[in-house]
Amino acid sequence: MSENQPSRKKFLQYLGLTAGASLLSKNSVAGFVDHTEILKLTPVQQEFMLHYEKWMDAFIDVIRVQKIDPDNVENNTKMIALTEWAEEMKPEISEFMKDKTFSLIYLVCIDRMSKEIK
């Protein structure tokens, strides 16, 4: 087992906790990421994660509607806008992913989104 595994295991144990709620909004990343991990992000990364969380919540809602009503024009328009928004975030994500703490938090977010839209 690698040296990072105990740390990663501890981090994953915090999923679902609200330890960072005082730092970020109740429905944000703080709802499932350890407060001390969030504080390791730069202020720019923290702000990006809040921004990304808003995008993710909107995307999850659009996917839920898409499953029920794939011909919903309003929802499809929202999906296009959210896809464009995601494209705009790609350069920042690529740069931030070079940071191990950011990449771990980002991957937890992606995992949450994957579980939500299944």
Protein backbone atom coordinates (compact mmCIF):
# COMPACT_ATOMS: atom_id res chain seq x y z
CA MET A 1 0.00 0.00 0.00
CA SER A 2 1.42 3.40 -0.93
CA GLU A 3 2.27 6.17 1.49
CA ASN A 4 -0.77 8.21 0.31
CA GLN A 5 -3.30 5.48 1.00
CA PRO A 6 -3.79 6.16 4.75
CA SER A 7 -4.28 9.85 4.02
CA ARG A 8 -6.68 9.10 1.16
CA LYS A 9 -8.59 6.64 3.33
CA LYS A 10 -8.96 9.26 6.04
CA PHE A 11 -10.11 11.81 3.48
CA LEU A 12 -12.70 9.46 2.03
CA GLN A 13 -14.05 8.78 5.53
CA TYR A 14 -15.11 12.41 5.64
CA LEU A 15 -17.45 12.06 2.65
CA GLY A 16 -20.94 13.08 3.62
CA LEU A 17 -19.79 15.16 6.59
CA THR A 18 -20.34 18.89 6.90
CA ALA A 19 -17.05 19.80 8.56
CA GLY A 20 -16.43 22.63 6.14
CA ALA A 21 -19.90 24.12 6.18
CA SER A 22 -18.69 27.27 7.87
CA LEU A 23 -16.30 27.89 4.98
CA LEU A 24 -18.61 27.11 2.07
CA SER A 25 -22.33 26.96 1.50
CA LYS A 26 -24.33 24.06 2.90
CA ASN A 27 -24.86 22.39 -0.48
CA SER A 28 -21.36 22.97 -1.73
CA VAL A 29 -18.20 20.93 -1.68
CA ALA A 30 -18.03 21.37 2.10
CA GLY A 31 -20.93 18.97 2.43
CA PHE A 32 -18.73 16.06 1.49
CA VAL A 33 -15.10 17.15 1.78
CA ASP A 34 -13.08 17.59 4.95
CA HIS A 35 -12.69 21.25 5.97
CA THR A 36 -8.92 20.92 6.30
CA GLU A 37 -8.67 19.60 2.74
CA ILE A 38 -10.65 22.59 1.43
CA LEU A 39 -8.33 24.98 3.26
CA LYS A 40 -5.38 23.46 1.40
CA LEU A 41 -6.80 24.84 -1.84
CA THR A 42 -5.78 28.30 -2.93
CA PRO A 43 -8.49 30.99 -2.71
CA VAL A 44 -8.80 30.84 -6.51
CA GLN A 45 -9.27 27.06 -6.39
CA GLN A 46 -11.83 27.38 -3.58
CA GLU A 47 -13.81 29.90 -5.62
CA PHE A 48 -13.59 27.68 -8.68
CA MET A 49 -14.93 24.71 -6.72
CA LEU A 50 -17.91 26.79 -5.57
CA HIS A 51 -18.50 27.82 -9.18
CA TYR A 52 -18.11 24.23 -10.34
CA GLU A 53 -20.50 22.99 -7.67
CA LYS A 54 -23.19 25.35 -8.99
CA TRP A 55 -22.61 24.03 -12.49
CA MET A 56 -22.72 20.44 -11.27
CA ASP A 57 -26.01 20.93 -9.39
CA ALA A 58 -27.60 22.52 -12.47
CA PHE A 59 -26.28 19.74 -14.69
CA ILE A 60 -27.64 17.04 -12.39
CA ASP A 61 -31.07 18.69 -12.50
CA VAL A 62 -30.98 18.84 -16.31
CA ILE A 63 -29.98 15.19 -16.57
CA ARG A 64 -32.85 14.16 -14.30
CA VAL A 65 -35.34 15.99 -16.54
CA GLN A 66 -33.64 14.54 -19.65
CA LYS A 67 -34.24 11.01 -18.39
CA ILE A 68 -37.95 11.68 -17.86
CA ASP A 69 -38.65 13.98 -20.79
CA PRO A 70 -35.94 13.86 -23.48
CA ASP A 71 -37.96 16.09 -25.81
CA ASN A 72 -38.28 18.96 -23.32
CA VAL A 73 -37.08 21.95 -25.39
CA GLU A 74 -36.44 24.20 -22.40
CA ASN A 75 -34.37 21.53 -20.68
CA ASN A 76 -32.42 20.79 -23.87
CA THR A 77 -31.62 24.51 -24.17
CA LYS A 78 -30.34 24.47 -20.58
CA MET A 79 -28.23 21.41 -21.39
CA ILE A 80 -26.60 23.21 -24.31
CA ALA A 81 -25.81 26.23 -22.12
CA LEU A 82 -24.37 24.00 -19.39
CA THR A 83 -22.24 22.14 -21.92
CA GLU A 84 -20.85 25.44 -23.16
CA TRP A 85 -20.19 26.50 -19.57
CA ALA A 86 -18.30 23.23 -18.99
CA GLU A 87 -16.16 23.90 -22.07
CA GLU A 88 -15.25 27.31 -20.65
CA MET A 89 -14.09 25.69 -17.39
CA LYS A 90 -11.81 23.12 -19.05
CA PRO A 91 -8.63 25.24 -19.14
CA GLU A 92 -8.92 26.05 -15.41
CA ILE A 93 -9.66 22.43 -14.53
CA SER A 94 -6.63 21.28 -16.52
CA GLU A 95 -4.39 23.73 -14.70
CA PHE A 96 -5.82 23.01 -11.25
CA MET A 97 -5.59 19.23 -11.75
CA LYS A 98 -1.82 19.55 -11.44
CA ASP A 99 -2.43 20.09 -7.70
CA LYS A 100 -2.96 16.77 -5.88
CA THR A 101 -5.37 18.17 -3.30
CA PHE A 102 -7.48 19.87 -5.94
CA SER A 103 -7.54 16.77 -8.12
CA LEU A 104 -8.70 14.61 -5.20
CA ILE A 105 -11.51 17.02 -4.32
CA TYR A 106 -12.47 17.37 -7.98
CA LEU A 107 -12.60 13.61 -8.43
CA VAL A 108 -14.85 13.30 -5.37
CA CYS A 109 -17.17 15.86 -6.98
CA ILE A 110 -17.20 13.94 -10.25
CA ASP A 111 -17.95 10.72 -8.37
CA ARG A 112 -20.86 12.39 -6.58
CA MET A 113 -22.24 13.65 -9.88
CA SER A 114 -21.90 10.22 -11.47
CA LYS A 115 -23.83 8.63 -8.62
CA GLU A 116 -26.53 11.31 -8.76
CA ILE A 117 -27.24 10.89 -12.47
CA LYS A 118 -27.24 7.07 -12.64
